Amino acid sequence: MIDLHTHSIFSDGELVPAELVRRAESVGIKVIGITDHGDSSNIDFIVPRIARIAKELNDVLGNIKIIPGIELTHIPPQLIAYNANRARALGAKLIIVHGETIVEPVAPGTNNAALNADIDILAHPGLITEDEALKAKENNILLEISARKGHSLTNGHVARRAQKTGAQLIINTDAHGPGDLIDAEMAKKIIRGAGLPEEAFEIMQKNGSCFI
């Protein structure tokens, strides 16, 4: 299984990166993105450290691949593109933007600004519009089906927008602790719960494989 959205102690996660990777490996995750929450205050702290530990672990581990990244979180929409470019220059191989989830006061316009920036995944995009989903398709940005409590409330809406527009999807855990990590069987159940056929799991895995 591929899981491209997780958090370590470098933001609000519970585990150091090495333990996060080991616990992910133990549930069958083959590719993990470590994407701690960042803004302009800490991108230069987080990204190089995650990139360094990712290289160290990738050099010695054979059953799991670590992708260093960042989740740009609650950044004013006008600053998203700038910070995405900064993160990329610092070594982030995976850039996620914290989308307009209905359970947090994310600034209106975040989804649209993110979809116009150099990012890879729009996480938990909430009540994403059809025009925004079309933009995701045009710009090859993956929309997230989330396993996380709260954010997952709009999975069905996101799935329907993607089906209508052809936008590509990815399922991620948004894990903050060991109990948030899931195996492939649970991922398939979440996908079915979003109103998608189970074979959508394999499509999402293929979508995520481009980061390997």
N, C-alpha and C. Protein backbone atom coordinates (compact mmCIF):
# COMPACT_ATOMS: atom_id res chain seq x y z
N MET A 1 0.83 -1.20 0.00
CA MET A 1 0.00 0.00 0.00
C MET A 1 0.86 1.25 0.00
N ILE A 2 0.39 2.30 -0.66
CA ILE A 2 1.06 3.59 -0.71
C ILE A 2 0.28 4.56 0.17
N ASP A 3 0.99 5.26 1.05
CA ASP A 3 0.38 6.27 1.92
C ASP A 3 1.27 7.51 1.87
N LEU A 4 0.80 8.55 1.22
CA LEU A 4 1.63 9.72 0.95
C LEU A 4 1.37 10.90 1.88
N HIS A 5 0.62 10.69 2.96
CA HIS A 5 0.28 11.81 3.84
C HIS A 5 0.35 11.35 5.29
N THR A 6 1.48 11.62 5.95
CA THR A 6 1.65 11.27 7.36
C THR A 6 2.43 12.37 8.07
N HIS A 7 2.41 12.30 9.41
CA HIS A 7 3.03 13.35 10.22
C HIS A 7 3.89 12.73 11.32
N SER A 8 5.03 13.37 11.58
CA SER A 8 5.94 12.95 12.64
C SER A 8 5.99 14.02 13.73
N ILE A 9 6.94 13.87 14.66
CA ILE A 9 7.07 14.87 15.72
C ILE A 9 7.57 16.22 15.20
N PHE A 10 7.94 16.29 13.92
CA PHE A 10 8.35 17.58 13.39
C PHE A 10 7.15 18.52 13.19
N SER A 11 5.94 18.00 13.36
CA SER A 11 4.78 18.89 13.47
C SER A 11 3.93 18.37 14.63
N ASP A 12 2.74 17.83 14.34
CA ASP A 12 1.86 17.40 15.42
C ASP A 12 1.69 15.89 15.48
N GLY A 13 2.62 15.15 14.90
CA GLY A 13 2.58 13.70 14.99
C GLY A 13 3.18 13.21 16.30
N GLU A 14 3.02 11.91 16.57
CA GLU A 14 3.45 11.33 17.84
C GLU A 14 4.80 10.64 17.77
N LEU A 15 5.28 10.33 16.56
CA LEU A 15 6.44 9.47 16.42
C LEU A 15 7.59 10.16 15.70
N VAL A 16 8.82 9.78 16.07
CA VAL A 16 9.96 10.21 15.27
C VAL A 16 9.86 9.53 13.91
N PRO A 17 10.45 10.10 12.87
CA PRO A 17 10.29 9.52 11.53
C PRO A 17 10.65 8.04 11.44
N ALA A 18 11.73 7.61 12.09
CA ALA A 18 12.14 6.21 11.97
C ALA A 18 11.07 5.27 12.53
N GLU A 19 10.46 5.63 13.66
CA GLU A 19 9.42 4.77 14.22
C GLU A 19 8.16 4.82 13.36
N LEU A 20 7.84 5.98 12.84
CA LEU A 20 6.69 6.09 11.94
C LEU A 20 6.87 5.15 10.75
N VAL A 21 8.07 5.16 10.18
CA VAL A 21 8.35 4.30 9.03
C VAL A 21 8.25 2.83 9.41
N ARG A 22 8.82 2.46 10.55
CA ARG A 22 8.78 1.06 10.97
C ARG A 22 7.35 0.59 11.22
N ARG A 23 6.54 1.41 11.86
CA ARG A 23 5.16 1.02 12.12
C ARG A 23 4.37 0.94 10.82
N ALA A 24 4.66 1.84 9.89
CA ALA A 24 4.00 1.77 8.58
C ALA A 24 4.39 0.48 7.86
N GLU A 25 5.66 0.15 7.91
CA GLU A 25 6.14 -1.07 7.27
C GLU A 25 5.44 -2.30 7.85
N SER A 26 5.19 -2.27 9.16
CA SER A 26 4.61 -3.43 9.84
C SER A 26 3.16 -3.68 9.44
N VAL A 27 2.46 -2.67 8.90
CA VAL A 27 1.07 -2.88 8.46
C VAL A 27 0.99 -3.05 6.94
N GLY A 28 2.13 -3.14 6.30
CA GLY A 28 2.14 -3.44 4.88
C GLY A 28 2.26 -2.24 3.95
N ILE A 29 2.58 -1.08 4.50
CA ILE A 29 2.79 0.09 3.65
C ILE A 29 4.15 -0.02 2.97
N LYS A 30 4.16 0.15 1.66
CA LYS A 30 5.38 0.00 0.87
C LYS A 30 6.02 1.34 0.50
N VAL A 31 5.20 2.38 0.47
CA VAL A 31 5.70 3.72 0.17
C VAL A 31 5.02 4.67 1.15
N ILE A 32 5.82 5.51 1.83
CA ILE A 32 5.26 6.45 2.79
C ILE A 32 5.80 7.84 2.52
N GLY A 33 4.90 8.81 2.48
CA GLY A 33 5.30 10.21 2.43
C GLY A 33 5.25 10.79 3.83
N ILE A 34 6.35 11.39 4.27
CA ILE A 34 6.35 12.10 5.56
C ILE A 34 6.17 13.57 5.23
N THR A 35 5.01 14.11 5.61
CA THR A 35 4.58 15.42 5.13
C THR A 35 4.08 16.26 6.30
N ASP A 36 5.01 16.68 7.13
CA ASP A 36 4.62 17.44 8.32
C ASP A 36 4.05 18.80 7.95
N HIS A 37 3.23 19.32 8.86
CA HIS A 37 2.59 20.62 8.65
C HIS A 37 3.64 21.72 8.61
N GLY A 38 3.54 22.59 7.61
CA GLY A 38 4.50 23.67 7.51
C GLY A 38 3.90 24.96 6.98
N ASP A 39 4.58 26.05 7.33
CA ASP A 39 4.30 27.35 6.72
C ASP A 39 5.67 28.04 6.58
N SER A 40 5.67 29.33 6.32
CA SER A 40 6.95 29.99 6.06
C SER A 40 7.86 30.02 7.27
N SER A 41 7.32 29.76 8.46
CA SER A 41 8.14 29.81 9.68
C SER A 41 9.00 28.59 9.89
N ASN A 42 8.60 27.45 9.30
CA ASN A 42 9.32 26.21 9.64
C ASN A 42 9.68 25.32 8.45
N ILE A 43 9.34 25.73 7.23
CA ILE A 43 9.65 24.90 6.07
C ILE A 43 11.15 24.61 6.00
N ASP A 44 11.96 25.63 6.26
CA ASP A 44 13.41 25.44 6.15
C ASP A 44 13.97 24.58 7.28
N PHE A 45 13.20 24.37 8.33
CA PHE A 45 13.59 23.46 9.41
C PHE A 45 13.16 22.03 9.10
N ILE A 46 11.92 21.87 8.67
CA ILE A 46 11.35 20.53 8.48
C ILE A 46 11.90 19.82 7.26
N VAL A 47 11.83 20.46 6.11
CA VAL A 47 12.11 19.74 4.86
C VAL A 47 13.52 19.14 4.81
N PRO A 48 14.59 19.89 5.13
CA PRO A 48 15.91 19.27 5.07
C PRO A 48 16.09 18.09 6.02
N ARG A 49 15.45 18.15 7.19
CA ARG A 49 15.58 17.05 8.15
C ARG A 49 14.83 15.81 7.69
N ILE A 50 13.64 16.00 7.14
CA ILE A 50 12.91 14.85 6.62
C ILE A 50 13.63 14.28 5.41
N ALA A 51 14.18 15.15 4.57
CA ALA A 51 14.93 14.67 3.41
C ALA A 51 16.15 13.85 3.84
N ARG A 52 16.82 14.29 4.91
CA ARG A 52 18.00 13.58 5.38
C ARG A 52 17.65 12.20 5.94
N ILE A 53 16.65 12.14 6.81
CA ILE A 53 16.29 10.83 7.38
C ILE A 53 15.71 9.92 6.30
N ALA A 54 15.02 10.48 5.33
CA ALA A 54 14.49 9.66 4.24
C ALA A 54 15.63 9.00 3.47
N LYS A 55 16.67 9.77 3.19
CA LYS A 55 17.82 9.20 2.46
C LYS A 55 18.49 8.11 3.29
N GLU A 56 18.70 8.36 4.58
CA GLU A 56 19.33 7.36 5.44
C GLU A 56 18.54 6.07 5.47
N LEU A 57 17.22 6.19 5.66
CA LEU A 57 16.39 4.99 5.74
C LEU A 57 16.28 4.28 4.40
N ASN A 58 16.17 5.05 3.33
CA ASN A 58 16.09 4.43 2.01
C ASN A 58 17.36 3.66 1.66
N ASP A 59 18.48 4.11 2.21
CA ASP A 59 19.76 3.43 1.93
C ASP A 59 19.85 2.06 2.59
N VAL A 60 19.08 1.84 3.67
CA VAL A 60 19.23 0.59 4.42
C VAL A 60 17.97 -0.28 4.44
N LEU A 61 16.83 0.28 4.11
CA LEU A 61 15.58 -0.49 4.14
C LEU A 61 15.21 -0.96 2.74
N GLY A 62 14.75 -2.19 2.65
CA GLY A 62 14.40 -2.73 1.34
C GLY A 62 12.92 -2.92 1.10
N ASN A 63 12.11 -2.84 2.17
CA ASN A 63 10.69 -3.15 2.03
C ASN A 63 9.78 -1.93 2.02
N ILE A 64 10.34 -0.75 2.20
CA ILE A 64 9.53 0.46 2.23
C ILE A 64 10.36 1.61 1.67
N LYS A 65 9.69 2.49 0.94
CA LYS A 65 10.32 3.67 0.35
C LYS A 65 9.77 4.90 1.04
N ILE A 66 10.66 5.83 1.43
CA ILE A 66 10.26 7.04 2.12
C ILE A 66 10.39 8.23 1.19
N ILE A 67 9.32 9.01 1.09
CA ILE A 67 9.30 10.20 0.25
C ILE A 67 9.26 11.43 1.16
N PRO A 68 10.26 12.30 1.11
CA PRO A 68 10.24 13.50 1.96
C PRO A 68 9.33 14.57 1.38
N GLY A 69 8.51 15.15 2.25
CA GLY A 69 7.58 16.15 1.75
C GLY A 69 7.18 17.16 2.81
N ILE A 70 6.11 17.86 2.55
CA ILE A 70 5.57 18.87 3.44
C ILE A 70 4.08 19.00 3.17
N GLU A 71 3.32 19.33 4.21
CA GLU A 71 1.92 19.71 4.01
C GLU A 71 1.78 21.18 4.36
N LEU A 72 1.63 22.02 3.37
CA LEU A 72 1.44 23.45 3.59
C LEU A 72 0.06 23.65 4.22
N THR A 73 0.04 24.23 5.42
CA THR A 73 -1.15 24.17 6.25
C THR A 73 -1.60 25.55 6.71
N HIS A 74 -2.86 25.89 6.41
CA HIS A 74 -3.46 27.15 6.83
C HIS A 74 -2.64 28.36 6.38
N ILE A 75 -1.99 28.23 5.24
CA ILE A 75 -1.27 29.36 4.65
C ILE A 75 -2.27 30.23 3.90
N PRO A 76 -2.19 31.55 4.03
CA PRO A 76 -3.07 32.40 3.21
C PRO A 76 -2.94 32.02 1.74
N PRO A 77 -4.05 31.95 1.04
CA PRO A 77 -4.01 31.50 -0.36
C PRO A 77 -2.98 32.23 -1.21
N GLN A 78 -2.78 33.52 -0.95
CA GLN A 78 -1.84 34.31 -1.75
C GLN A 78 -0.40 33.86 -1.60
N LEU A 79 -0.10 33.10 -0.53
CA LEU A 79 1.28 32.68 -0.25
C LEU A 79 1.54 31.21 -0.57
N ILE A 80 0.54 30.51 -1.03
CA ILE A 80 0.71 29.07 -1.26
C ILE A 80 1.73 28.78 -2.35
N ALA A 81 1.62 29.42 -3.48
CA ALA A 81 2.55 29.15 -4.59
C ALA A 81 3.98 29.46 -4.18
N TYR A 82 4.19 30.58 -3.50
CA TYR A 82 5.54 30.96 -3.06
C TYR A 82 6.12 29.90 -2.13
N ASN A 83 5.35 29.46 -1.15
CA ASN A 83 5.85 28.48 -0.20
C ASN A 83 6.02 27.10 -0.82
N ALA A 84 5.20 26.77 -1.79
CA ALA A 84 5.38 25.50 -2.52
C ALA A 84 6.72 25.51 -3.26
N ASN A 85 7.05 26.63 -3.88
CA ASN A 85 8.32 26.73 -4.58
C ASN A 85 9.50 26.66 -3.60
N ARG A 86 9.36 27.31 -2.46
CA ARG A 86 10.41 27.24 -1.43
C ARG A 86 10.63 25.80 -0.97
N ALA A 87 9.54 25.10 -0.68
CA ALA A 87 9.64 23.72 -0.21
C ALA A 87 10.31 22.84 -1.25
N ARG A 88 9.95 23.04 -2.51
CA ARG A 88 10.55 22.24 -3.59
C ARG A 88 12.05 22.50 -3.65
N ALA A 89 12.45 23.75 -3.53
CA ALA A 89 13.87 24.09 -3.60
C ALA A 89 14.65 23.52 -2.42
N LEU A 90 13.99 23.34 -1.28
CA LEU A 90 14.64 22.79 -0.09
C LEU A 90 14.74 21.27 -0.11
N GLY A 91 14.11 20.63 -1.09
CA GLY A 91 14.23 19.19 -1.21
C GLY A 91 12.97 18.39 -1.02
N ALA A 92 11.82 19.05 -0.93
CA ALA A 92 10.56 18.31 -0.81
C ALA A 92 10.24 17.64 -2.14
N LYS A 93 10.09 16.34 -2.12
CA LYS A 93 9.71 15.58 -3.31
C LYS A 93 8.20 15.43 -3.44
N LEU A 94 7.50 15.82 -2.39
CA LEU A 94 6.05 15.65 -2.33
C LEU A 94 5.47 16.86 -1.62
N ILE A 95 4.66 17.63 -2.31
CA ILE A 95 4.07 18.82 -1.71
C ILE A 95 2.55 18.67 -1.67
N ILE A 96 2.04 18.71 -0.46
CA ILE A 96 0.61 18.61 -0.20
C ILE A 96 0.13 19.96 0.33
N VAL A 97 -1.08 20.34 -0.03
CA VAL A 97 -1.71 21.50 0.60
C VAL A 97 -2.91 21.03 1.40
N HIS A 98 -3.02 21.55 2.60
CA HIS A 98 -4.12 21.28 3.52
C HIS A 98 -5.38 21.96 2.97
N GLY A 99 -6.24 21.15 2.35
CA GLY A 99 -7.39 21.69 1.66
C GLY A 99 -8.51 22.16 2.57
N GLU A 100 -9.60 22.58 1.96
CA GLU A 100 -10.70 23.23 2.66
C GLU A 100 -11.64 22.22 3.34
N THR A 101 -11.07 21.40 4.20
CA THR A 101 -11.86 20.47 5.00
C THR A 101 -12.97 21.20 5.74
N ILE A 102 -14.12 20.54 5.89
CA ILE A 102 -15.25 21.18 6.55
C ILE A 102 -15.10 21.21 8.07
N VAL A 103 -14.09 20.55 8.63
CA VAL A 103 -13.96 20.48 10.09
C VAL A 103 -12.90 21.43 10.63
N GLU A 104 -12.34 22.28 9.78
CA GLU A 104 -11.39 23.29 10.22
C GLU A 104 -11.66 24.59 9.46
N PRO A 105 -11.29 25.73 10.06
CA PRO A 105 -11.55 27.03 9.41
C PRO A 105 -10.48 27.40 8.39
N VAL A 106 -10.33 26.56 7.38
CA VAL A 106 -9.35 26.84 6.32
C VAL A 106 -9.84 28.04 5.51
N ALA A 107 -8.91 28.91 5.15
CA ALA A 107 -9.28 30.13 4.44
C ALA A 107 -9.95 29.82 3.10
N PRO A 108 -11.08 30.46 2.82
CA PRO A 108 -11.70 30.28 1.50
C PRO A 108 -10.71 30.68 0.40
N GLY A 109 -10.72 29.93 -0.68
CA GLY A 109 -9.79 30.18 -1.76
C GLY A 109 -8.55 29.33 -1.71
N THR A 110 -8.38 28.57 -0.60
CA THR A 110 -7.19 27.71 -0.47
C THR A 110 -7.14 26.65 -1.56
N ASN A 111 -8.27 25.97 -1.80
CA ASN A 111 -8.28 24.93 -2.83
C ASN A 111 -7.85 25.50 -4.17
N ASN A 112 -8.44 26.61 -4.56
CA ASN A 112 -8.17 27.19 -5.87
C ASN A 112 -6.71 27.63 -5.98
N ALA A 113 -6.19 28.28 -4.95
CA ALA A 113 -4.79 28.73 -4.98
C ALA A 113 -3.85 27.53 -5.06
N ALA A 114 -4.15 26.49 -4.31
CA ALA A 114 -3.30 25.30 -4.33
C ALA A 114 -3.27 24.66 -5.71
N LEU A 115 -4.41 24.61 -6.35
CA LEU A 115 -4.50 23.96 -7.66
C LEU A 115 -3.84 24.78 -8.76
N ASN A 116 -3.47 26.01 -8.46
CA ASN A 116 -2.72 26.84 -9.40
C ASN A 116 -1.23 26.88 -9.07
N ALA A 117 -0.82 26.13 -8.05
CA ALA A 117 0.57 26.13 -7.61
C ALA A 117 1.26 24.81 -7.99
N ASP A 118 2.58 24.77 -7.76
CA ASP A 118 3.37 23.57 -8.05
C ASP A 118 3.26 22.60 -6.88
N ILE A 119 2.12 21.91 -6.80
CA ILE A 119 1.91 20.94 -5.73
C ILE A 119 1.53 19.59 -6.34
N ASP A 120 1.49 18.58 -5.47
CA ASP A 120 1.22 17.22 -5.94
C ASP A 120 -0.14 16.69 -5.50
N ILE A 121 -0.56 17.05 -4.29
CA ILE A 121 -1.80 16.52 -3.73
C ILE A 121 -2.55 17.63 -3.01
N LEU A 122 -3.85 17.71 -3.25
CA LEU A 122 -4.72 18.57 -2.45
C LEU A 122 -5.41 17.67 -1.44
N ALA A 123 -5.02 17.81 -0.18
CA ALA A 123 -5.53 16.93 0.87
C ALA A 123 -6.94 17.35 1.28
N HIS A 124 -7.72 16.36 1.64
CA HIS A 124 -9.08 16.55 2.17
C HIS A 124 -9.70 17.88 1.69
N PRO A 125 -10.03 17.96 0.39
CA PRO A 125 -10.47 19.24 -0.18
C PRO A 125 -11.90 19.64 0.13
N GLY A 126 -12.57 18.92 1.03
CA GLY A 126 -13.89 19.33 1.49
C GLY A 126 -14.91 19.38 0.37
N LEU A 127 -15.67 20.46 0.34
CA LEU A 127 -16.75 20.61 -0.65
C LEU A 127 -16.18 21.25 -1.92
N ILE A 128 -15.22 20.57 -2.50
CA ILE A 128 -14.54 21.05 -3.69
C ILE A 128 -15.55 21.26 -4.82
N THR A 129 -15.35 22.33 -5.59
CA THR A 129 -16.27 22.61 -6.69
C THR A 129 -15.90 21.81 -7.93
N GLU A 130 -16.83 21.76 -8.86
CA GLU A 130 -16.56 21.05 -10.12
C GLU A 130 -15.42 21.74 -10.88
N ASP A 131 -15.42 23.07 -10.90
CA ASP A 131 -14.35 23.79 -11.59
C ASP A 131 -12.99 23.50 -10.98
N GLU A 132 -12.95 23.39 -9.65
CA GLU A 132 -11.69 23.07 -8.98
C GLU A 132 -11.24 21.66 -9.30
N ALA A 133 -12.17 20.73 -9.34
CA ALA A 133 -11.82 19.35 -9.70
C ALA A 133 -11.29 19.29 -11.13
N LEU A 134 -11.88 20.06 -12.02
CA LEU A 134 -11.38 20.13 -13.40
C LEU A 134 -9.96 20.68 -13.44
N LYS A 135 -9.70 21.67 -12.60
CA LYS A 135 -8.36 22.25 -12.54
C LYS A 135 -7.36 21.22 -12.02
N ALA A 136 -7.79 20.41 -11.05
CA ALA A 136 -6.91 19.34 -10.55
C ALA A 136 -6.54 18.38 -11.68
N LYS A 137 -7.53 18.04 -12.48
CA LYS A 137 -7.26 17.15 -13.61
C LYS A 137 -6.28 17.80 -14.59
N GLU A 138 -6.53 19.05 -14.95
CA GLU A 138 -5.69 19.74 -15.92
C GLU A 138 -4.25 19.88 -15.45
N ASN A 139 -4.06 20.06 -14.15
CA ASN A 139 -2.73 20.31 -13.60
C ASN A 139 -2.10 19.06 -12.97
N ASN A 140 -2.73 17.90 -13.19
CA ASN A 140 -2.20 16.62 -12.69
C ASN A 140 -1.95 16.63 -11.18
N ILE A 141 -2.90 17.19 -10.46
CA ILE A 141 -2.84 17.22 -9.00
C ILE A 141 -3.85 16.21 -8.46
N LEU A 142 -3.39 15.33 -7.59
CA LEU A 142 -4.25 14.30 -7.03
C LEU A 142 -5.15 14.88 -5.94
N LEU A 143 -6.40 14.45 -5.92
CA LEU A 143 -7.32 14.79 -4.86
C LEU A 143 -7.37 13.64 -3.86
N GLU A 144 -7.42 13.98 -2.59
CA GLU A 144 -7.29 12.97 -1.55
C GLU A 144 -8.63 12.44 -1.05
N ILE A 145 -8.71 11.12 -0.98
CA ILE A 145 -9.72 10.44 -0.18
C ILE A 145 -9.05 10.15 1.15
N SER A 146 -9.62 10.65 2.23
CA SER A 146 -8.94 10.64 3.52
C SER A 146 -9.47 9.55 4.45
N ALA A 147 -8.54 8.90 5.13
CA ALA A 147 -8.91 7.93 6.15
C ALA A 147 -9.07 8.59 7.52
N ARG A 148 -8.79 9.87 7.61
CA ARG A 148 -8.77 10.53 8.91
C ARG A 148 -10.17 10.98 9.34
N LYS A 149 -10.44 10.76 10.62
CA LYS A 149 -11.71 11.17 11.21
C LYS A 149 -11.95 12.65 10.96
N GLY A 150 -13.15 13.00 10.60
CA GLY A 150 -13.49 14.39 10.34
C GLY A 150 -13.27 14.74 8.88
N HIS A 151 -12.04 14.70 8.44
CA HIS A 151 -11.75 15.01 7.04
C HIS A 151 -12.47 14.05 6.10
N SER A 152 -12.71 12.84 6.56
CA SER A 152 -13.32 11.82 5.71
C SER A 152 -14.82 12.06 5.46
N LEU A 153 -15.40 13.02 6.15
CA LEU A 153 -16.83 13.26 6.03
C LEU A 153 -17.25 13.66 4.62
N THR A 154 -16.33 14.25 3.87
CA THR A 154 -16.67 14.68 2.50
C THR A 154 -16.05 13.78 1.44
N ASN A 155 -15.59 12.60 1.82
CA ASN A 155 -15.00 11.69 0.82
C ASN A 155 -15.97 11.40 -0.33
N GLY A 156 -17.24 11.19 -0.01
CA GLY A 156 -18.20 10.88 -1.06
C GLY A 156 -18.35 12.02 -2.05
N HIS A 157 -18.38 13.24 -1.54
CA HIS A 157 -18.48 14.42 -2.41
C HIS A 157 -17.25 14.51 -3.30
N VAL A 158 -16.07 14.34 -2.72
CA VAL A 158 -14.82 14.42 -3.50
C VAL A 158 -14.81 13.34 -4.58
N ALA A 159 -15.24 12.15 -4.20
CA ALA A 159 -15.26 11.04 -5.16
C ALA A 159 -16.18 11.35 -6.33
N ARG A 160 -17.35 11.91 -6.05
CA ARG A 160 -18.29 12.22 -7.13
C ARG A 160 -17.75 13.31 -8.05
N ARG A 161 -17.11 14.31 -7.47
CA ARG A 161 -16.51 15.36 -8.30
C ARG A 161 -15.43 14.76 -9.20
N ALA A 162 -14.63 13.88 -8.64
CA ALA A 162 -13.56 13.26 -9.43
C ALA A 162 -14.13 12.39 -10.54
N GLN A 163 -15.16 11.63 -10.24
CA GLN A 163 -15.78 10.79 -11.26
C GLN A 163 -16.35 11.62 -12.40
N LYS A 164 -16.93 12.76 -12.07
CA LYS A 164 -17.55 13.60 -13.09
C LYS A 164 -16.52 14.31 -13.96
N THR A 165 -15.39 14.70 -13.37
CA THR A 165 -14.41 15.52 -14.09
C THR A 165 -13.21 14.74 -14.61
N GLY A 166 -13.00 13.55 -14.09
CA GLY A 166 -11.81 12.79 -14.48
C GLY A 166 -10.59 13.10 -13.66
N ALA A 167 -10.76 13.86 -12.58
CA ALA A 167 -9.64 14.13 -11.68
C ALA A 167 -9.17 12.83 -11.04
N GLN A 168 -7.87 12.73 -10.80
CA GLN A 168 -7.30 11.53 -10.22
C GLN A 168 -7.30 11.60 -8.69
N LEU A 169 -7.49 10.44 -8.07
CA LEU A 169 -7.61 10.34 -6.62
C LEU A 169 -6.46 9.56 -6.01
N ILE A 170 -6.24 9.80 -4.72
CA ILE A 170 -5.29 9.02 -3.93
C ILE A 170 -5.91 8.82 -2.55
N ILE A 171 -5.73 7.66 -1.95
CA ILE A 171 -6.17 7.47 -0.57
C ILE A 171 -4.96 7.56 0.34
N ASN A 172 -5.09 8.39 1.38
CA ASN A 172 -4.03 8.58 2.37
C ASN A 172 -4.62 8.50 3.77
N THR A 173 -3.75 8.24 4.74
CA THR A 173 -4.24 8.16 6.12
C THR A 173 -4.24 9.49 6.84
N ASP A 174 -3.33 10.40 6.48
CA ASP A 174 -3.13 11.62 7.27
C ASP A 174 -2.79 11.21 8.70
N ALA A 175 -1.98 10.18 8.84
CA ALA A 175 -1.68 9.61 10.16
C ALA A 175 -0.89 10.58 11.02
N HIS A 176 -1.32 10.70 12.27
CA HIS A 176 -0.60 11.48 13.28
C HIS A 176 -0.04 10.58 14.38
N GLY A 177 -0.52 9.35 14.44
CA GLY A 177 -0.05 8.40 15.43
C GLY A 177 -0.17 6.99 14.90
N PRO A 178 0.39 6.01 15.61
CA PRO A 178 0.39 4.63 15.11
C PRO A 178 -1.00 4.07 14.87
N GLY A 179 -1.98 4.51 15.65
CA GLY A 179 -3.34 4.00 15.48
C GLY A 179 -4.02 4.50 14.22
N ASP A 180 -3.43 5.49 13.57
CA ASP A 180 -4.03 6.03 12.35
C ASP A 180 -3.61 5.28 11.09
N LEU A 181 -2.54 4.51 11.17
CA LEU A 181 -2.07 3.77 10.01
C LEU A 181 -3.03 2.63 9.69
N ILE A 182 -3.24 2.37 8.42
CA ILE A 182 -4.19 1.32 8.02
C ILE A 182 -3.55 0.40 6.99
N ASP A 183 -4.13 -0.78 6.85
CA ASP A 183 -3.65 -1.70 5.83
C ASP A 183 -4.52 -1.57 4.58
N ALA A 184 -4.17 -2.34 3.56
CA ALA A 184 -4.87 -2.24 2.28
C ALA A 184 -6.33 -2.62 2.39
N GLU A 185 -6.66 -3.58 3.24
CA GLU A 185 -8.05 -3.99 3.37
C GLU A 185 -8.92 -2.88 3.93
N MET A 186 -8.41 -2.15 4.91
CA MET A 186 -9.17 -1.03 5.45
C MET A 186 -9.27 0.09 4.42
N ALA A 187 -8.21 0.31 3.68
CA ALA A 187 -8.24 1.33 2.62
C ALA A 187 -9.34 1.02 1.61
N LYS A 188 -9.48 -0.24 1.25
CA LYS A 188 -10.52 -0.64 0.29
C LYS A 188 -11.91 -0.39 0.85
N LYS A 189 -12.09 -0.61 2.15
CA LYS A 189 -13.39 -0.34 2.77
C LYS A 189 -13.71 1.15 2.74
N ILE A 190 -12.72 1.97 3.01
CA ILE A 190 -12.93 3.42 2.99
C ILE A 190 -13.29 3.88 1.58
N ILE A 191 -12.63 3.30 0.60
CA ILE A 191 -12.92 3.63 -0.80
C ILE A 191 -14.35 3.25 -1.15
N ARG A 192 -14.77 2.05 -0.74
CA ARG A 192 -16.15 1.65 -0.99
C ARG A 192 -17.13 2.56 -0.27
N GLY A 193 -16.76 2.98 0.94
CA GLY A 193 -17.61 3.88 1.70
C GLY A 193 -17.78 5.24 1.05
N ALA A 194 -16.83 5.60 0.21
CA ALA A 194 -16.92 6.87 -0.53
C ALA A 194 -17.76 6.73 -1.79
N GLY A 195 -18.27 5.52 -2.02
CA GLY A 195 -19.12 5.29 -3.18
C GLY A 195 -18.37 4.87 -4.43
N LEU A 196 -17.12 4.47 -4.25
CA LEU A 196 -16.30 4.05 -5.38
C LEU A 196 -16.18 2.53 -5.41
N PRO A 197 -15.98 1.95 -6.58
CA PRO A 197 -15.78 0.50 -6.66
C PRO A 197 -14.43 0.12 -6.05
N GLU A 198 -14.33 -1.10 -5.57
CA GLU A 198 -13.11 -1.53 -4.91
C GLU A 198 -11.90 -1.45 -5.83
N GLU A 199 -12.13 -1.64 -7.15
CA GLU A 199 -10.99 -1.59 -8.07
C GLU A 199 -10.36 -0.20 -8.14
N ALA A 200 -11.05 0.81 -7.60
CA ALA A 200 -10.47 2.15 -7.55
C ALA A 200 -9.22 2.17 -6.68
N PHE A 201 -9.11 1.22 -5.76
CA PHE A 201 -7.91 1.13 -4.91
C PHE A 201 -6.67 0.96 -5.77
N GLU A 202 -6.71 0.04 -6.73
CA GLU A 202 -5.54 -0.20 -7.57
C GLU A 202 -5.21 1.01 -8.43
N ILE A 203 -6.23 1.72 -8.88
CA ILE A 203 -5.99 2.94 -9.66
C ILE A 203 -5.29 3.98 -8.80
N MET A 204 -5.74 4.12 -7.56
CA MET A 204 -5.12 5.09 -6.66
C MET A 204 -3.68 4.70 -6.34
N GLN A 205 -3.42 3.39 -6.21
CA GLN A 205 -2.05 2.95 -5.97
C GLN A 205 -1.16 3.30 -7.17
N LYS A 206 -1.69 3.14 -8.36
CA LYS A 206 -0.94 3.51 -9.54
C LYS A 206 -0.69 5.01 -9.59
N ASN A 207 -1.69 5.80 -9.19
CA ASN A 207 -1.52 7.24 -9.15
C ASN A 207 -0.39 7.63 -8.21
N GLY A 208 -0.32 6.96 -7.06
CA GLY A 208 0.70 7.27 -6.08
C GLY A 208 2.09 6.78 -6.46
N SER A 209 2.15 5.80 -7.33
CA SER A 209 3.46 5.20 -7.68
C SER A 209 4.36 6.14 -8.44
N CYS A 210 3.82 7.23 -8.97
CA CYS A 210 4.67 8.17 -9.73
C CYS A 210 5.67 8.87 -8.85
N PHE A 211 5.50 8.79 -7.53
CA PHE A 211 6.44 9.46 -6.61
C PHE A 211 7.59 8.55 -6.19
N ILE A 212 7.54 7.31 -6.61
CA ILE A 212 8.59 6.35 -6.20
C ILE A 212 9.88 6.62 -6.99
